[in-house]
Amino acid sequence: MSIVSLDRSSTPRRDIGLVGWQIRYEQRSYWRNRGRGVFTFVFPLMFLVIFASLDKSGHVTSEGGIPYDDFLVPGILAYGVIMTTFTNLSLQTTILRDEGILKRMQGTPLPRWAYTAARIGSTCLISATIAVVTIVAGILLWGVDLRAAALPGMVVTLVLGTAAFTSLGIGMAQFIPRAETGPVVINLIVLPISFISSIFYPTSGMPAALRTIAEIFPINALARALQYGFDPRYHDAGFDWTHLRTLAIWTVIGIFLMLRFLRRPQGEQV
């Protein structure tokens, strides 16, 4: 069954209505599952409190002496987006595949593309929520400086980062052999790269080889692009074109992997 195959009675208005209904269902399912909230809200905010408390009133000399909190908050925001999109979607998609739910969806009036669009739409809503919570907490509790002029760049960065990690998360499911191994596989990918990327602390003191490796992956690109908007040394619209280009490349890769997974007979793995 093709990803865009429609039931004979399908109409654009009907399919959009189905997407909206499915988004509401996905939202109810998400907020009722406390385990997902740990990954998307508790972990990022916990790391924010811990690292901000450890280096309170510190400055980052390698970044021109900017306050450490101005560096940390956007890094934690990037981490929250990654947990919401890549981690959450890869694990949940694997579970749905193994339980046969994705296969059974083919026998329902909901087209596969509409189901996928609804899951992506629901994830975008959650990403927007974690972004608002993190930014507001950073401003109110740690006095971070978010330049109003940089908001356009911040919004574009968040949208592009969400697109990249959402598509990568769905596509990643094809490389996870079983749902029970999902957390191990995902954590082996996310955690090491997160610690060599610019999320929790500057990477200027790391070996050059590790910095080069980190710059290949989208985790570092998202963190650096968001940190640009909080950096008081700049006064433009907040577009970090170098790292946005990296995110765009990974978005293309993610879409390819996502479509490859969705077109594959469900239950079949790489």
C-alpha atoms as a PDB file:
ATOM      1  CA  MET A   1       0.000   0.000   0.000  1.00  0.00           C
ATOM      2  CA  SER A   2       1.454   3.340  -1.012  1.00  0.00           C
ATOM      3  CA  ILE A   3       1.894   6.041   1.591  1.00  0.00           C
ATOM      4  CA  VAL A   4      -0.519   8.292  -0.301  1.00  0.00           C
ATOM      5  CA  SER A   5      -3.109   5.638  -1.181  1.00  0.00           C
ATOM      6  CA  LEU A   6      -6.604   6.804  -0.377  1.00  0.00           C
ATOM      7  CA  ASP A   7      -9.887   5.063   0.143  1.00  0.00           C
ATOM      8  CA  ARG A   8     -12.174   5.442  -2.899  1.00  0.00           C
ATOM      9  CA  SER A   9     -14.593   7.543  -0.893  1.00  0.00           C
ATOM     10  CA  SER A  10     -11.839   9.889   0.317  1.00  0.00           C
ATOM     11  CA  THR A  11     -12.179  13.625  -0.169  1.00  0.00           C
ATOM     12  CA  PRO A  12      -9.699  16.342   0.879  1.00  0.00           C
ATOM     13  CA  ARG A  13     -12.146  17.739   3.417  1.00  0.00           C
ATOM     14  CA  ARG A  14     -12.829  14.295   4.889  1.00  0.00           C
ATOM     15  CA  ASP A  15      -9.133  13.439   5.107  1.00  0.00           C
ATOM     16  CA  ILE A  16      -8.269  16.741   6.784  1.00  0.00           C
ATOM     17  CA  GLY A  17     -11.007  16.056   9.293  1.00  0.00           C
ATOM     18  CA  LEU A  18      -9.525  12.621   9.968  1.00  0.00           C
ATOM     19  CA  VAL A  19      -6.103  14.193  10.521  1.00  0.00           C
ATOM     20  CA  GLY A  20      -7.592  16.653  13.022  1.00  0.00           C
ATOM     21  CA  TRP A  21      -9.413  13.860  14.851  1.00  0.00           C
ATOM     22  CA  GLN A  22      -6.246  11.767  14.997  1.00  0.00           C
ATOM     23  CA  ILE A  23      -4.208  14.708  16.318  1.00  0.00           C
ATOM     24  CA  ARG A  24      -6.695  15.088  19.170  1.00  0.00           C
ATOM     25  CA  TYR A  25      -6.423  11.370  19.890  1.00  0.00           C
ATOM     26  CA  GLU A  26      -2.599  11.488  19.841  1.00  0.00           C
ATOM     27  CA  GLN A  27      -2.640  14.452  22.220  1.00  0.00           C
ATOM     28  CA  ARG A  28      -4.916  12.691  24.700  1.00  0.00           C
ATOM     29  CA  SER A  29      -2.798   9.563  24.471  1.00  0.00           C
ATOM     30  CA  TYR A  30       0.402  11.506  25.051  1.00  0.00           C
ATOM     31  CA  TRP A  31      -0.729  13.500  28.086  1.00  0.00           C
ATOM     32  CA  ARG A  32      -2.165  10.377  29.721  1.00  0.00           C
ATOM     33  CA  ASN A  33       1.183   8.583  29.433  1.00  0.00           C
ATOM     34  CA  ARG A  34       3.387   9.825  32.259  1.00  0.00           C
ATOM     35  CA  GLY A  35       6.406   7.960  30.920  1.00  0.00           C
ATOM     36  CA  ARG A  36       6.508  10.145  27.825  1.00  0.00           C
ATOM     37  CA  GLY A  37       6.384  13.250  29.984  1.00  0.00           C
ATOM     38  CA  VAL A  38       9.539  12.120  31.776  1.00  0.00           C
ATOM     39  CA  PHE A  39      11.450  12.058  28.492  1.00  0.00           C
ATOM     40  CA  THR A  40      10.093  15.295  27.078  1.00  0.00           C
ATOM     41  CA  PHE A  41       9.615  17.575  30.085  1.00  0.00           C
ATOM     42  CA  VAL A  42      11.146  16.182  33.273  1.00  0.00           C
ATOM     43  CA  PHE A  43      14.566  15.221  31.898  1.00  0.00           C
ATOM     44  CA  PRO A  44      15.284  18.506  30.042  1.00  0.00           C
ATOM     45  CA  LEU A  45      14.055  20.697  32.898  1.00  0.00           C
ATOM     46  CA  MET A  46      15.908  18.559  35.439  1.00  0.00           C
ATOM     47  CA  PHE A  47      19.142  18.999  33.480  1.00  0.00           C
ATOM     48  CA  LEU A  48      18.455  22.731  33.230  1.00  0.00           C
ATOM     49  CA  VAL A  49      18.095  23.071  37.007  1.00  0.00           C
ATOM     50  CA  ILE A  50      21.130  20.908  37.747  1.00  0.00           C
ATOM     51  CA  PHE A  51      23.574  22.535  35.333  1.00  0.00           C
ATOM     52  CA  ALA A  52      22.319  26.072  35.956  1.00  0.00           C
ATOM     53  CA  SER A  53      22.736  25.554  39.708  1.00  0.00           C
ATOM     54  CA  LEU A  54      26.229  24.096  39.364  1.00  0.00           C
ATOM     55  CA  ASP A  55      27.547  27.054  37.417  1.00  0.00           C
ATOM     56  CA  LYS A  56      25.366  29.865  38.729  1.00  0.00           C
ATOM     57  CA  SER A  57      26.516  33.337  37.623  1.00  0.00           C
ATOM     58  CA  GLY A  58      29.290  31.754  35.537  1.00  0.00           C
ATOM     59  CA  HIS A  59      30.462  33.013  32.174  1.00  0.00           C
ATOM     60  CA  VAL A  60      31.646  31.195  29.055  1.00  0.00           C
ATOM     61  CA  THR A  61      35.058  32.574  28.172  1.00  0.00           C
ATOM     62  CA  SER A  62      35.244  30.629  24.902  1.00  0.00           C
ATOM     63  CA  GLU A  63      32.017  32.348  23.786  1.00  0.00           C
ATOM     64  CA  GLY A  64      33.137  35.898  24.438  1.00  0.00           C
ATOM     65  CA  GLY A  65      32.300  35.832  28.153  1.00  0.00           C
ATOM     66  CA  ILE A  66      28.532  35.485  27.747  1.00  0.00           C
ATOM     67  CA  PRO A  67      26.589  34.306  30.832  1.00  0.00           C
ATOM     68  CA  TYR A  68      26.542  30.526  31.115  1.00  0.00           C
ATOM     69  CA  ASP A  69      22.744  30.508  31.439  1.00  0.00           C
ATOM     70  CA  ASP A  70      22.435  32.234  28.048  1.00  0.00           C
ATOM     71  CA  PHE A  71      24.399  29.320  26.634  1.00  0.00           C
ATOM     72  CA  LEU A  72      22.659  26.560  28.617  1.00  0.00           C
ATOM     73  CA  VAL A  73      18.963  27.430  28.181  1.00  0.00           C
ATOM     74  CA  PRO A  74      18.899  27.171  24.358  1.00  0.00           C
ATOM     75  CA  GLY A  75      21.025  24.019  24.603  1.00  0.00           C
ATOM     76  CA  ILE A  76      18.475  22.434  26.938  1.00  0.00           C
ATOM     77  CA  LEU A  77      15.717  23.649  24.595  1.00  0.00           C
ATOM     78  CA  ALA A  78      17.413  21.734  21.781  1.00  0.00           C
ATOM     79  CA  TYR A  79      17.645  18.664  24.012  1.00  0.00           C
ATOM     80  CA  GLY A  80      13.926  18.903  24.841  1.00  0.00           C
ATOM     81  CA  VAL A  81      12.989  19.109  21.168  1.00  0.00           C
ATOM     82  CA  ILE A  82      15.141  16.048  20.429  1.00  0.00           C
ATOM     83  CA  MET A  83      13.521  14.071  23.264  1.00  0.00           C
ATOM     84  CA  THR A  84      10.053  15.066  22.083  1.00  0.00           C
ATOM     85  CA  THR A  85      10.636  14.241  18.435  1.00  0.00           C
ATOM     86  CA  PHE A  86      13.434  11.783  17.754  1.00  0.00           C
ATOM     87  CA  THR A  87      13.379   9.782  20.989  1.00  0.00           C
ATOM     88  CA  ASN A  88       9.627   9.719  21.498  1.00  0.00           C
ATOM     89  CA  LEU A  89       8.687   8.972  17.885  1.00  0.00           C
ATOM     90  CA  SER A  90      11.311   6.301  17.282  1.00  0.00           C
ATOM     91  CA  LEU A  91      10.309   4.386  20.412  1.00  0.00           C
ATOM     92  CA  GLN A  92       6.567   4.748  19.907  1.00  0.00           C
ATOM     93  CA  THR A  93       6.728   3.880  16.204  1.00  0.00           C
ATOM     94  CA  THR A  94       8.674   0.724  17.029  1.00  0.00           C
ATOM     95  CA  ILE A  95       6.068  -0.290  19.593  1.00  0.00           C
ATOM     96  CA  LEU A  96       3.228   0.347  17.138  1.00  0.00           C
ATOM     97  CA  ARG A  97       5.037  -1.720  14.497  1.00  0.00           C
ATOM     98  CA  ASP A  98       5.694  -4.668  16.816  1.00  0.00           C
ATOM     99  CA  GLU A  99       2.137  -4.671  18.157  1.00  0.00           C
ATOM    100  CA  GLY A 100       0.800  -4.751  14.610  1.00  0.00           C
ATOM    101  CA  ILE A 101      -1.049  -1.452  14.974  1.00  0.00           C
ATOM    102  CA  LEU A 102       0.601   0.090  11.923  1.00  0.00           C
ATOM    103  CA  LYS A 103      -0.421  -2.928   9.844  1.00  0.00           C
ATOM    104  CA  ARG A 104      -3.984  -2.818  11.149  1.00  0.00           C
ATOM    105  CA  MET A 105      -4.188   0.876  10.295  1.00  0.00           C
ATOM    106  CA  GLN A 106      -4.157  -0.122   6.627  1.00  0.00           C
ATOM    107  CA  GLY A 107      -7.606  -1.645   7.082  1.00  0.00           C
ATOM    108  CA  THR A 108      -9.170   1.493   8.565  1.00  0.00           C
ATOM    109  CA  PRO A 109     -10.685   4.516   6.775  1.00  0.00           C
ATOM    110  CA  LEU A 110      -7.697   6.579   7.934  1.00  0.00           C
ATOM    111  CA  PRO A 111      -5.107   6.790   5.109  1.00  0.00           C
ATOM    112  CA  ARG A 112      -1.551   6.050   6.146  1.00  0.00           C
ATOM    113  CA  TRP A 113      -0.375   9.500   5.085  1.00  0.00           C
ATOM    114  CA  ALA A 114      -3.078  11.092   7.257  1.00  0.00           C
ATOM    115  CA  TYR A 115      -2.063   8.986  10.252  1.00  0.00           C
ATOM    116  CA  THR A 116       1.573   9.973   9.760  1.00  0.00           C
ATOM    117  CA  ALA A 117       0.628  13.645   9.343  1.00  0.00           C
ATOM    118  CA  ALA A 118      -1.390  13.504  12.565  1.00  0.00           C
ATOM    119  CA  ARG A 119       1.511  12.015  14.536  1.00  0.00           C
ATOM    120  CA  ILE A 120       3.847  14.674  13.175  1.00  0.00           C
ATOM    121  CA  GLY A 121       1.323  17.428  13.915  1.00  0.00           C
ATOM    122  CA  SER A 122       0.832  16.212  17.471  1.00  0.00           C
ATOM    123  CA  THR A 123       4.601  16.080  17.981  1.00  0.00           C
ATOM    124  CA  CYS A 124       4.955  19.645  16.712  1.00  0.00           C
ATOM    125  CA  LEU A 125       2.408  20.827  19.297  1.00  0.00           C
ATOM    126  CA  ILE A 126       4.359  19.125  22.082  1.00  0.00           C
ATOM    127  CA  SER A 127       7.635  20.612  20.787  1.00  0.00           C
ATOM    128  CA  ALA A 128       6.090  24.077  20.823  1.00  0.00           C
ATOM    129  CA  THR A 129       4.952  23.510  24.415  1.00  0.00           C
ATOM    130  CA  ILE A 130       8.383  22.413  25.654  1.00  0.00           C
ATOM    131  CA  ALA A 131       9.942  25.372  23.819  1.00  0.00           C
ATOM    132  CA  VAL A 132       7.651  27.861  25.549  1.00  0.00           C
ATOM    133  CA  VAL A 133       8.129  26.238  28.976  1.00  0.00           C
ATOM    134  CA  THR A 134      11.931  26.180  28.653  1.00  0.00           C
ATOM    135  CA  ILE A 135      12.239  29.743  27.374  1.00  0.00           C
ATOM    136  CA  VAL A 136       9.850  31.167  29.981  1.00  0.00           C
ATOM    137  CA  ALA A 137      11.672  29.265  32.760  1.00  0.00           C
ATOM    138  CA  GLY A 138      15.008  30.564  31.499  1.00  0.00           C
ATOM    139  CA  ILE A 139      13.814  34.158  31.402  1.00  0.00           C
ATOM    140  CA  LEU A 140      11.978  34.163  34.731  1.00  0.00           C
ATOM    141  CA  LEU A 141      14.279  31.966  36.818  1.00  0.00           C
ATOM    142  CA  TRP A 142      17.706  32.591  35.341  1.00  0.00           C
ATOM    143  CA  GLY A 143      17.296  35.943  33.619  1.00  0.00           C
ATOM    144  CA  VAL A 144      18.472  34.791  30.192  1.00  0.00           C
ATOM    145  CA  ASP A 145      18.528  37.359  27.422  1.00  0.00           C
ATOM    146  CA  LEU A 146      16.328  36.437  24.449  1.00  0.00           C
ATOM    147  CA  ARG A 147      16.633  39.193  21.877  1.00  0.00           C
ATOM    148  CA  ALA A 148      13.295  40.162  20.351  1.00  0.00           C
ATOM    149  CA  ALA A 149      15.031  40.809  17.030  1.00  0.00           C
ATOM    150  CA  ALA A 150      16.210  37.184  16.973  1.00  0.00           C
ATOM    151  CA  LEU A 151      12.715  35.671  17.222  1.00  0.00           C
ATOM    152  CA  PRO A 152      12.361  35.048  13.443  1.00  0.00           C
ATOM    153  CA  GLY A 153      15.557  33.009  13.418  1.00  0.00           C
ATOM    154  CA  MET A 154      14.503  31.146  16.566  1.00  0.00           C
ATOM    155  CA  VAL A 155      11.147  30.180  15.060  1.00  0.00           C
ATOM    156  CA  VAL A 156      12.706  28.991  11.799  1.00  0.00           C
ATOM    157  CA  THR A 157      15.341  27.030  13.706  1.00  0.00           C
ATOM    158  CA  LEU A 158      12.725  25.318  15.883  1.00  0.00           C
ATOM    159  CA  VAL A 159      10.548  24.474  12.868  1.00  0.00           C
ATOM    160  CA  LEU A 160      13.467  23.075  10.884  1.00  0.00           C
ATOM    161  CA  GLY A 161      14.866  21.218  13.892  1.00  0.00           C
ATOM    162  CA  THR A 162      11.461  19.693  14.621  1.00  0.00           C
ATOM    163  CA  ALA A 163      11.109  18.614  10.979  1.00  0.00           C
ATOM    164  CA  ALA A 164      14.567  17.026  10.974  1.00  0.00           C
ATOM    165  CA  PHE A 165      14.219  15.083  14.205  1.00  0.00           C
ATOM    166  CA  THR A 166      10.589  14.111  13.603  1.00  0.00           C
ATOM    167  CA  SER A 167      11.366  12.515  10.246  1.00  0.00           C
ATOM    168  CA  LEU A 168      14.550  10.937  11.611  1.00  0.00           C
ATOM    169  CA  GLY A 169      12.623   9.536  14.579  1.00  0.00           C
ATOM    170  CA  ILE A 170      10.040   7.790  12.408  1.00  0.00           C
ATOM    171  CA  GLY A 171      12.689   6.592   9.965  1.00  0.00           C
ATOM    172  CA  MET A 172      14.873   5.261  12.772  1.00  0.00           C
ATOM    173  CA  ALA A 173      12.241   2.661  13.688  1.00  0.00           C
ATOM    174  CA  GLN A 174      13.348   0.454  10.791  1.00  0.00           C
ATOM    175  CA  PHE A 175      16.787   0.026  12.366  1.00  0.00           C
ATOM    176  CA  ILE A 176      15.449  -1.059  15.778  1.00  0.00           C
ATOM    177  CA  PRO A 177      14.947  -4.851  15.718  1.00  0.00           C
ATOM    178  CA  ARG A 178      12.498  -5.053  18.653  1.00  0.00           C
ATOM    179  CA  ALA A 179      10.601  -2.566  20.776  1.00  0.00           C
ATOM    180  CA  GLU A 180      12.281  -3.716  23.991  1.00  0.00           C
ATOM    181  CA  THR A 181      15.703  -2.834  22.566  1.00  0.00           C
ATOM    182  CA  GLY A 182      14.540   0.606  21.474  1.00  0.00           C
ATOM    183  CA  PRO A 183      15.587   2.576  24.589  1.00  0.00           C
ATOM    184  CA  VAL A 184      19.069   1.052  24.483  1.00  0.00           C
ATOM    185  CA  VAL A 185      19.571   1.810  20.789  1.00  0.00           C
ATOM    186  CA  ILE A 186      18.241   5.362  21.027  1.00  0.00           C
ATOM    187  CA  ASN A 187      20.186   6.232  24.174  1.00  0.00           C
ATOM    188  CA  LEU A 188      23.384   4.879  22.636  1.00  0.00           C
ATOM    189  CA  ILE A 189      22.836   7.343  19.821  1.00  0.00           C
ATOM    190  CA  VAL A 190      21.482  10.413  21.604  1.00  0.00           C
ATOM    191  CA  LEU A 191      23.452  10.548  24.855  1.00  0.00           C
ATOM    192  CA  PRO A 192      27.030  10.306  23.525  1.00  0.00           C
ATOM    193  CA  ILE A 193      26.374  12.797  20.737  1.00  0.00           C
ATOM    194  CA  SER A 194      24.596  15.140  23.161  1.00  0.00           C
ATOM    195  CA  PHE A 195      27.601  15.252  25.472  1.00  0.00           C
ATOM    196  CA  ILE A 196      30.025  16.093  22.663  1.00  0.00           C
ATOM    197  CA  SER A 197      27.638  18.691  21.236  1.00  0.00           C
ATOM    198  CA  SER A 198      27.081  22.197  22.593  1.00  0.00           C
ATOM    199  CA  ILE A 199      24.144  21.377  24.843  1.00  0.00           C
ATOM    200  CA  PHE A 200      25.346  21.232  28.448  1.00  0.00           C
ATOM    201  CA  TYR A 201      28.696  23.000  28.236  1.00  0.00           C
ATOM    202  CA  PRO A 202      31.017  24.551  25.617  1.00  0.00           C
ATOM    203  CA  THR A 203      32.985  22.045  23.579  1.00  0.00           C
ATOM    204  CA  SER A 204      36.003  24.265  22.978  1.00  0.00           C
ATOM    205  CA  GLY A 205      38.109  22.198  25.396  1.00  0.00           C
ATOM    206  CA  MET A 206      37.356  18.874  23.724  1.00  0.00           C
ATOM    207  CA  PRO A 207      39.728  17.179  21.250  1.00  0.00           C
ATOM    208  CA  ALA A 208      39.339  18.492  17.715  1.00  0.00           C
ATOM    209  CA  ALA A 209      38.310  15.038  16.469  1.00  0.00           C
ATOM    210  CA  LEU A 210      35.292  14.958  18.797  1.00  0.00           C
ATOM    211  CA  ARG A 211      34.262  18.481  17.803  1.00  0.00           C
ATOM    212  CA  THR A 212      34.454  17.487  14.143  1.00  0.00           C
ATOM    213  CA  ILE A 213      32.303  14.418  14.764  1.00  0.00           C
ATOM    214  CA  ALA A 214      29.723  16.481  16.678  1.00  0.00           C
ATOM    215  CA  GLU A 215      29.414  19.022  13.877  1.00  0.00           C
ATOM    216  CA  ILE A 216      28.355  16.314  11.452  1.00  0.00           C
ATOM    217  CA  PHE A 217      25.206  15.508  13.413  1.00  0.00           C
ATOM    218  CA  PRO A 218      22.034  17.612  13.767  1.00  0.00           C
ATOM    219  CA  ILE A 219      22.117  17.685  17.597  1.00  0.00           C
ATOM    220  CA  ASN A 220      25.031  20.112  17.628  1.00  0.00           C
ATOM    221  CA  ALA A 221      23.527  22.092  14.742  1.00  0.00           C
ATOM    222  CA  LEU A 222      20.202  22.607  16.532  1.00  0.00           C
ATOM    223  CA  ALA A 223      21.860  23.603  19.804  1.00  0.00           C
ATOM    224  CA  ARG A 224      24.261  26.056  18.150  1.00  0.00           C
ATOM    225  CA  ALA A 225      21.563  27.606  15.970  1.00  0.00           C
ATOM    226  CA  LEU A 226      19.336  28.195  19.013  1.00  0.00           C
ATOM    227  CA  GLN A 227      22.230  29.547  21.104  1.00  0.00           C
ATOM    228  CA  TYR A 228      22.885  32.109  18.392  1.00  0.00           C
ATOM    229  CA  GLY A 229      19.531  33.752  19.146  1.00  0.00           C
ATOM    230  CA  PHE A 230      20.371  34.086  22.844  1.00  0.00           C
ATOM    231  CA  ASP A 231      23.903  35.372  22.303  1.00  0.00           C
ATOM    232  CA  PRO A 232      24.051  39.065  23.357  1.00  0.00           C
ATOM    233  CA  ARG A 233      27.009  39.662  21.040  1.00  0.00           C
ATOM    234  CA  TYR A 234      24.764  39.569  17.980  1.00  0.00           C
ATOM    235  CA  HIS A 235      21.984  41.943  16.972  1.00  0.00           C
ATOM    236  CA  ASP A 236      20.580  40.469  13.756  1.00  0.00           C
ATOM    237  CA  ALA A 237      17.478  38.346  13.090  1.00  0.00           C
ATOM    238  CA  GLY A 238      19.001  35.228  14.656  1.00  0.00           C
ATOM    239  CA  PHE A 239      19.643  33.132  11.547  1.00  0.00           C
ATOM    240  CA  ASP A 240      22.708  30.920  11.966  1.00  0.00           C
ATOM    241  CA  TRP A 241      22.946  29.872   8.329  1.00  0.00           C
ATOM    242  CA  THR A 242      25.803  27.401   8.756  1.00  0.00           C
ATOM    243  CA  HIS A 243      23.953  25.252  11.257  1.00  0.00           C
ATOM    244  CA  LEU A 244      20.587  25.768   9.572  1.00  0.00           C
ATOM    245  CA  ARG A 245      22.126  24.280   6.429  1.00  0.00           C
ATOM    246  CA  THR A 246      23.185  21.214   8.439  1.00  0.00           C
ATOM    247  CA  LEU A 247      19.637  20.861   9.784  1.00  0.00           C
ATOM    248  CA  ALA A 248      18.224  21.161   6.258  1.00  0.00           C
ATOM    249  CA  ILE A 249      20.498  18.372   5.020  1.00  0.00           C
ATOM    250  CA  TRP A 250      19.425  16.099   7.875  1.00  0.00           C
ATOM    251  CA  THR A 251      15.780  16.945   7.197  1.00  0.00           C
ATOM    252  CA  VAL A 252      16.195  15.607   3.657  1.00  0.00           C
ATOM    253  CA  ILE A 253      17.905  12.475   5.020  1.00  0.00           C
ATOM    254  CA  GLY A 254      15.143  12.058   7.597  1.00  0.00           C
ATOM    255  CA  ILE A 255      12.360  12.371   5.022  1.00  0.00           C
ATOM    256  CA  PHE A 256      14.060   9.746   2.856  1.00  0.00           C
ATOM    257  CA  LEU A 257      14.346   7.329   5.795  1.00  0.00           C
ATOM    258  CA  MET A 258      10.789   8.043   6.944  1.00  0.00           C
ATOM    259  CA  LEU A 259       9.294   7.371   3.499  1.00  0.00           C
ATOM    260  CA  ARG A 260      11.424   4.244   3.155  1.00  0.00           C
ATOM    261  CA  PHE A 261      10.058   2.936   6.436  1.00  0.00           C
ATOM    262  CA  LEU A 262       6.445   3.832   5.711  1.00  0.00           C
ATOM    263  CA  ARG A 263       6.525   2.231   2.259  1.00  0.00           C
ATOM    264  CA  ARG A 264       7.981  -0.977   3.673  1.00  0.00           C
ATOM    265  CA  PRO A 265       5.484  -3.721   4.615  1.00  0.00           C
ATOM    266  CA  GLN A 266       5.000  -3.193   8.342  1.00  0.00           C
ATOM    267  CA  GLY A 267       6.701  -5.814  10.440  1.00  0.00           C
ATOM    268  CA  GLU A 268       9.534  -6.114   7.922  1.00  0.00           C
ATOM    269  CA  GLN A 269      12.837  -4.641   9.111  1.00  0.00           C
ATOM    270  CA  VAL A 270      16.095  -3.685   7.467  1.00  0.00           C
END
